[in-house]
Amino acid sequence: MDVVKHGSFTHLSELNDALQAYMEEKNSSPKRYVWRADGHKILEKINRAKQVLKERQQYDII
């Protein structure tokens, strides 16, 4: 996000105002997000991750 940079704000209210302004600007002309990932590949990755977590929990590696 272009709005938040380390040390940019001295008060939380300044940060909040900047974030609100940023969101209002972005929402004033929304752009549709086009999903490009293949759903089957995503599910394969999720299932592999679940299997790894299950194996690690079995051996108390986590």
PDB file of N, CA and C in Angstrom:
ATOM      1  N   MET A   1       0.850  -1.170   0.000  1.00  0.00           N
ATOM      2  CA  MET A   1       0.000   0.000   0.000  1.00  0.00           C
ATOM      3  C   MET A   1       0.897   1.234   0.000  1.00  0.00           C
ATOM      4  N   ASP A   2       0.593   2.158  -0.846  1.00  0.00           N
ATOM      5  CA  ASP A   2       1.403   3.360  -1.007  1.00  0.00           C
ATOM      6  C   ASP A   2       1.258   4.331   0.158  1.00  0.00           C
ATOM      7  N   VAL A   3       0.215   4.192   0.940  1.00  0.00           N
ATOM      8  CA  VAL A   3      -0.113   5.168   1.970  1.00  0.00           C
ATOM      9  C   VAL A   3       0.765   5.027   3.204  1.00  0.00           C
ATOM     10  N   VAL A   4       1.037   3.811   3.613  1.00  0.00           N
ATOM     11  CA  VAL A   4       1.710   3.576   4.891  1.00  0.00           C
ATOM     12  C   VAL A   4       3.208   3.358   4.680  1.00  0.00           C
ATOM     13  N   LYS A   5       3.985   4.262   5.216  1.00  0.00           N
ATOM     14  CA  LYS A   5       5.437   4.136   5.206  1.00  0.00           C
ATOM     15  C   LYS A   5       5.904   4.289   6.641  1.00  0.00           C
ATOM     16  N   HIS A   6       6.921   3.550   7.007  1.00  0.00           N
ATOM     17  CA  HIS A   6       7.415   3.569   8.380  1.00  0.00           C
ATOM     18  C   HIS A   6       7.748   5.001   8.808  1.00  0.00           C
ATOM     19  N   GLY A   7       7.202   5.411   9.934  1.00  0.00           N
ATOM     20  CA  GLY A   7       7.483   6.731  10.474  1.00  0.00           C
ATOM     21  C   GLY A   7       6.733   7.878   9.820  1.00  0.00           C
ATOM     22  N   SER A   8       5.758   7.572   8.968  1.00  0.00           N
ATOM     23  CA  SER A   8       5.034   8.621   8.247  1.00  0.00           C
ATOM     24  C   SER A   8       4.043   9.378   9.119  1.00  0.00           C
ATOM     25  N   PHE A   9       3.583   8.750  10.188  1.00  0.00           N
ATOM     26  CA  PHE A   9       2.513   9.329  10.986  1.00  0.00           C
ATOM     27  C   PHE A   9       2.931   9.419  12.448  1.00  0.00           C
ATOM     28  N   THR A  10       2.581  10.534  13.068  1.00  0.00           N
ATOM     29  CA  THR A  10       2.920  10.708  14.480  1.00  0.00           C
ATOM     30  C   THR A  10       1.753  10.344  15.382  1.00  0.00           C
ATOM     31  N   HIS A  11       0.535  10.319  14.821  1.00  0.00           N
ATOM     32  CA  HIS A  11      -0.649   9.983  15.606  1.00  0.00           C
ATOM     33  C   HIS A  11      -1.490   8.966  14.865  1.00  0.00           C
ATOM     34  N   LEU A  12      -2.147   8.120  15.621  1.00  0.00           N
ATOM     35  CA  LEU A  12      -3.006   7.101  15.037  1.00  0.00           C
ATOM     36  C   LEU A  12      -4.128   7.725  14.216  1.00  0.00           C
ATOM     37  N   SER A  13      -4.626   8.873  14.639  1.00  0.00           N
ATOM     38  CA  SER A  13      -5.703   9.525  13.894  1.00  0.00           C
ATOM     39  C   SER A  13      -5.238   9.946  12.495  1.00  0.00           C
ATOM     40  N   GLU A  14      -3.962  10.350  12.363  1.00  0.00           N
ATOM     41  CA  GLU A  14      -3.421  10.706  11.039  1.00  0.00           C
ATOM     42  C   GLU A  14      -3.391   9.478  10.133  1.00  0.00           C
ATOM     43  N   LEU A  15      -2.954   8.360  10.684  1.00  0.00           N
ATOM     44  CA  LEU A  15      -2.907   7.111   9.923  1.00  0.00           C
ATOM     45  C   LEU A  15      -4.314   6.713   9.494  1.00  0.00           C
ATOM     46  N   ASN A  16      -5.252   6.777  10.421  1.00  0.00           N
ATOM     47  CA  ASN A  16      -6.631   6.418  10.122  1.00  0.00           C
ATOM     48  C   ASN A  16      -7.198   7.298   9.012  1.00  0.00           C
ATOM     49  N   ASP A  17      -6.971   8.604   9.090  1.00  0.00           N
ATOM     50  CA  ASP A  17      -7.462   9.531   8.063  1.00  0.00           C
ATOM     51  C   ASP A  17      -6.855   9.220   6.695  1.00  0.00           C
ATOM     52  N   ALA A  18      -5.555   8.931   6.684  1.00  0.00           N
ATOM     53  CA  ALA A  18      -4.879   8.614   5.417  1.00  0.00           C
ATOM     54  C   ALA A  18      -5.417   7.315   4.819  1.00  0.00           C
ATOM     55  N   LEU A  19      -5.652   6.327   5.662  1.00  0.00           N
ATOM     56  CA  LEU A  19      -6.194   5.056   5.168  1.00  0.00           C
ATOM     57  C   LEU A  19      -7.609   5.233   4.639  1.00  0.00           C
ATOM     58  N   GLN A  20      -8.422   6.009   5.346  1.00  0.00           N
ATOM     59  CA  GLN A  20      -9.795   6.258   4.884  1.00  0.00           C
ATOM     60  C   GLN A  20      -9.789   6.963   3.523  1.00  0.00           C
ATOM     61  N   ALA A  21      -8.931   7.969   3.380  1.00  0.00           N
ATOM     62  CA  ALA A  21      -8.844   8.701   2.110  1.00  0.00           C
ATOM     63  C   ALA A  21      -8.382   7.773   0.984  1.00  0.00           C
ATOM     64  N   TYR A  22      -7.410   6.931   1.273  1.00  0.00           N
ATOM     65  CA  TYR A  22      -6.900   5.985   0.281  1.00  0.00           C
ATOM     66  C   TYR A  22      -8.009   5.029  -0.165  1.00  0.00           C
ATOM     67  N   MET A  23      -8.746   4.488   0.799  1.00  0.00           N
ATOM     68  CA  MET A  23      -9.818   3.543   0.469  1.00  0.00           C
ATOM     69  C   MET A  23     -10.929   4.219  -0.323  1.00  0.00           C
ATOM     70  N   GLU A  24     -11.266   5.439   0.043  1.00  0.00           N
ATOM     71  CA  GLU A  24     -12.297   6.169  -0.706  1.00  0.00           C
ATOM     72  C   GLU A  24     -11.858   6.411  -2.149  1.00  0.00           C
ATOM     73  N   GLU A  25     -10.596   6.774  -2.316  1.00  0.00           N
ATOM     74  CA  GLU A  25     -10.070   7.007  -3.666  1.00  0.00           C
ATOM     75  C   GLU A  25     -10.094   5.724  -4.484  1.00  0.00           C
ATOM     76  N   LYS A  26      -9.615   4.625  -3.906  1.00  0.00           N
ATOM     77  CA  LYS A  26      -9.592   3.347  -4.616  1.00  0.00           C
ATOM     78  C   LYS A  26     -10.995   2.855  -4.939  1.00  0.00           C
ATOM     79  N   ASN A  27     -11.931   3.048  -4.016  1.00  0.00           N
ATOM     80  CA  ASN A  27     -13.296   2.574  -4.219  1.00  0.00           C
ATOM     81  C   ASN A  27     -14.103   3.464  -5.160  1.00  0.00           C
ATOM     82  N   SER A  28     -13.607   4.661  -5.445  1.00  0.00           N
ATOM     83  CA  SER A  28     -14.342   5.559  -6.337  1.00  0.00           C
ATOM     84  C   SER A  28     -14.318   5.067  -7.781  1.00  0.00           C
ATOM     85  N   SER A  29     -13.294   4.313  -8.148  1.00  0.00           N
ATOM     86  CA  SER A  29     -13.234   3.732  -9.496  1.00  0.00           C
ATOM     87  C   SER A  29     -12.715   2.296  -9.395  1.00  0.00           C
ATOM     88  N   PRO A  30     -13.574   1.401  -8.921  1.00  0.00           N
ATOM     89  CA  PRO A  30     -13.144   0.013  -8.713  1.00  0.00           C
ATOM     90  C   PRO A  30     -12.812  -0.688 -10.032  1.00  0.00           C
ATOM     91  N   LYS A  31     -11.886  -1.622  -9.953  1.00  0.00           N
ATOM     92  CA  LYS A  31     -11.510  -2.433 -11.110  1.00  0.00           C
ATOM     93  C   LYS A  31     -11.764  -3.897 -10.776  1.00  0.00           C
ATOM     94  N   ARG A  32     -12.369  -4.577 -11.697  1.00  0.00           N
ATOM     95  CA  ARG A  32     -12.697  -5.979 -11.500  1.00  0.00           C
ATOM     96  C   ARG A  32     -11.417  -6.803 -11.431  1.00  0.00           C
ATOM     97  N   TYR A  33     -11.365  -7.707 -10.464  1.00  0.00           N
ATOM     98  CA  TYR A  33     -10.226  -8.605 -10.347  1.00  0.00           C
ATOM     99  C   TYR A  33     -10.503  -9.849 -11.175  1.00  0.00           C
ATOM    100  N   VAL A  34      -9.590 -10.196 -12.053  1.00  0.00           N
ATOM    101  CA  VAL A  34      -9.743 -11.384 -12.881  1.00  0.00           C
ATOM    102  C   VAL A  34      -8.864 -12.475 -12.304  1.00  0.00           C
ATOM    103  N   TRP A  35      -9.517 -13.550 -11.837  1.00  0.00           N
ATOM    104  CA  TRP A  35      -8.807 -14.663 -11.227  1.00  0.00           C
ATOM    105  C   TRP A  35      -8.157 -15.490 -12.330  1.00  0.00           C
ATOM    106  N   ARG A  36      -6.851 -15.706 -12.225  1.00  0.00           N
ATOM    107  CA  ARG A  36      -6.129 -16.412 -13.277  1.00  0.00           C
ATOM    108  C   ARG A  36      -5.617 -17.777 -12.846  1.00  0.00           C
ATOM    109  N   ALA A  37      -5.733 -18.083 -11.572  1.00  0.00           N
ATOM    110  CA  ALA A  37      -5.221 -19.354 -11.069  1.00  0.00           C
ATOM    111  C   ALA A  37      -6.183 -20.484 -11.428  1.00  0.00           C
ATOM    112  N   ASP A  38      -5.615 -21.657 -11.628  1.00  0.00           N
ATOM    113  CA  ASP A  38      -6.401 -22.849 -11.915  1.00  0.00           C
ATOM    114  C   ASP A  38      -6.888 -23.435 -10.587  1.00  0.00           C
ATOM    115  N   GLY A  39      -8.187 -23.551 -10.441  1.00  0.00           N
ATOM    116  CA  GLY A  39      -8.773 -24.047  -9.196  1.00  0.00           C
ATOM    117  C   GLY A  39      -8.280 -25.423  -8.803  1.00  0.00           C
ATOM    118  N   HIS A  40      -8.076 -26.306  -9.780  1.00  0.00           N
ATOM    119  CA  HIS A  40      -7.600 -27.662  -9.482  1.00  0.00           C
ATOM    120  C   HIS A  40      -6.185 -27.637  -8.893  1.00  0.00           C
ATOM    121  N   LYS A  41      -5.333 -26.776  -9.425  1.00  0.00           N
ATOM    122  CA  LYS A  41      -3.967 -26.676  -8.905  1.00  0.00           C
ATOM    123  C   LYS A  41      -3.966 -26.107  -7.488  1.00  0.00           C
ATOM    124  N   ILE A  42      -4.847 -25.166  -7.229  1.00  0.00           N
ATOM    125  CA  ILE A  42      -4.948 -24.604  -5.880  1.00  0.00           C
ATOM    126  C   ILE A  42      -5.372 -25.684  -4.892  1.00  0.00           C
ATOM    127  N   LEU A  43      -6.386 -26.464  -5.259  1.00  0.00           N
ATOM    128  CA  LEU A  43      -6.841 -27.539  -4.379  1.00  0.00           C
ATOM    129  C   LEU A  43      -5.757 -28.586  -4.156  1.00  0.00           C
ATOM    130  N   GLU A  44      -4.971 -28.887  -5.183  1.00  0.00           N
ATOM    131  CA  GLU A  44      -3.861 -29.827  -5.021  1.00  0.00           C
ATOM    132  C   GLU A  44      -2.861 -29.302  -3.999  1.00  0.00           C
ATOM    133  N   LYS A  45      -2.533 -28.010  -4.080  1.00  0.00           N
ATOM    134  CA  LYS A  45      -1.599 -27.407  -3.124  1.00  0.00           C
ATOM    135  C   LYS A  45      -2.154 -27.444  -1.701  1.00  0.00           C
ATOM    136  N   ILE A  46      -3.442 -27.143  -1.569  1.00  0.00           N
ATOM    137  CA  ILE A  46      -4.065 -27.172  -0.247  1.00  0.00           C
ATOM    138  C   ILE A  46      -4.017 -28.577   0.335  1.00  0.00           C
ATOM    139  N   ASN A  47      -4.334 -29.564  -0.485  1.00  0.00           N
ATOM    140  CA  ASN A  47      -4.317 -30.948  -0.009  1.00  0.00           C
ATOM    141  C   ASN A  47      -2.912 -31.406   0.359  1.00  0.00           C
ATOM    142  N   ARG A  48      -1.906 -30.986  -0.412  1.00  0.00           N
ATOM    143  CA  ARG A  48      -0.516 -31.323  -0.058  1.00  0.00           C
ATOM    144  C   ARG A  48      -0.133 -30.681   1.266  1.00  0.00           C
ATOM    145  N   ALA A  49      -0.522 -29.426   1.457  1.00  0.00           N
ATOM    146  CA  ALA A  49      -0.209 -28.722   2.700  1.00  0.00           C
ATOM    147  C   ALA A  49      -0.884 -29.399   3.887  1.00  0.00           C
ATOM    148  N   LYS A  50      -2.144 -29.793   3.719  1.00  0.00           N
ATOM    149  CA  LYS A  50      -2.850 -30.500   4.795  1.00  0.00           C
ATOM    150  C   LYS A  50      -2.133 -31.796   5.160  1.00  0.00           C
ATOM    151  N   GLN A  51      -1.664 -32.515   4.151  1.00  0.00           N
ATOM    152  CA  GLN A  51      -0.969 -33.779   4.398  1.00  0.00           C
ATOM    153  C   GLN A  51       0.324 -33.541   5.169  1.00  0.00           C
ATOM    154  N   VAL A  52       1.079 -32.530   4.794  1.00  0.00           N
ATOM    155  CA  VAL A  52       2.327 -32.213   5.491  1.00  0.00           C
ATOM    156  C   VAL A  52       2.039 -31.837   6.940  1.00  0.00           C
ATOM    157  N   LEU A  53       1.018 -31.008   7.170  1.00  0.00           N
ATOM    158  CA  LEU A  53       0.665 -30.623   8.533  1.00  0.00           C
ATOM    159  C   LEU A  53       0.239 -31.832   9.350  1.00  0.00           C
ATOM    160  N   LYS A  54      -0.522 -32.704   8.733  1.00  0.00           N
ATOM    161  CA  LYS A  54      -0.978 -33.914   9.429  1.00  0.00           C
ATOM    162  C   LYS A  54       0.217 -34.778   9.834  1.00  0.00           C
ATOM    163  N   GLU A  55       1.178 -34.934   8.922  1.00  0.00           N
ATOM    164  CA  GLU A  55       2.376 -35.734   9.226  1.00  0.00           C
ATOM    165  C   GLU A  55       3.198 -35.085  10.327  1.00  0.00           C
ATOM    166  N   ARG A  56       3.353 -33.771  10.282  1.00  0.00           N
ATOM    167  CA  ARG A  56       4.137 -33.083  11.303  1.00  0.00           C
ATOM    168  C   ARG A  56       3.470 -33.164  12.667  1.00  0.00           C
ATOM    169  N   GLN A  57       2.149 -33.044  12.691  1.00  0.00           N
ATOM    170  CA  GLN A  57       1.431 -33.142  13.970  1.00  0.00           C
ATOM    171  C   GLN A  57       1.554 -34.544  14.539  1.00  0.00           C
ATOM    172  N   GLN A  58       1.573 -35.533  13.659  1.00  0.00           N
ATOM    173  CA  GLN A  58       1.697 -36.923  14.098  1.00  0.00           C
ATOM    174  C   GLN A  58       3.022 -37.146  14.834  1.00  0.00           C
ATOM    175  N   TYR A  59       4.082 -36.469  14.378  1.00  0.00           N
ATOM    176  CA  TYR A  59       5.398 -36.628  14.974  1.00  0.00           C
ATOM    177  C   TYR A  59       5.752 -35.465  15.908  1.00  0.00           C
ATOM    178  N   ASP A  60       4.772 -34.576  16.168  1.00  0.00           N
ATOM    179  CA  ASP A  60       4.982 -33.423  17.043  1.00  0.00           C
ATOM    180  C   ASP A  60       6.169 -32.577  16.612  1.00  0.00           C
ATOM    181  N   ILE A  61       6.295 -32.358  15.297  1.00  0.00           N
ATOM    182  CA  ILE A  61       7.392 -31.547  14.777  1.00  0.00           C
ATOM    183  C   ILE A  61       7.068 -30.068  14.880  1.00  0.00           C
ATOM    184  N   ILE A  62       5.790 -29.742  14.839  1.00  0.00           N
ATOM    185  CA  ILE A  62       5.390 -28.321  14.858  1.00  0.00           C
ATOM    186  C   ILE A  62       5.632 -27.744  16.221  1.00  0.00           C
TER     187      ILE A  62
END
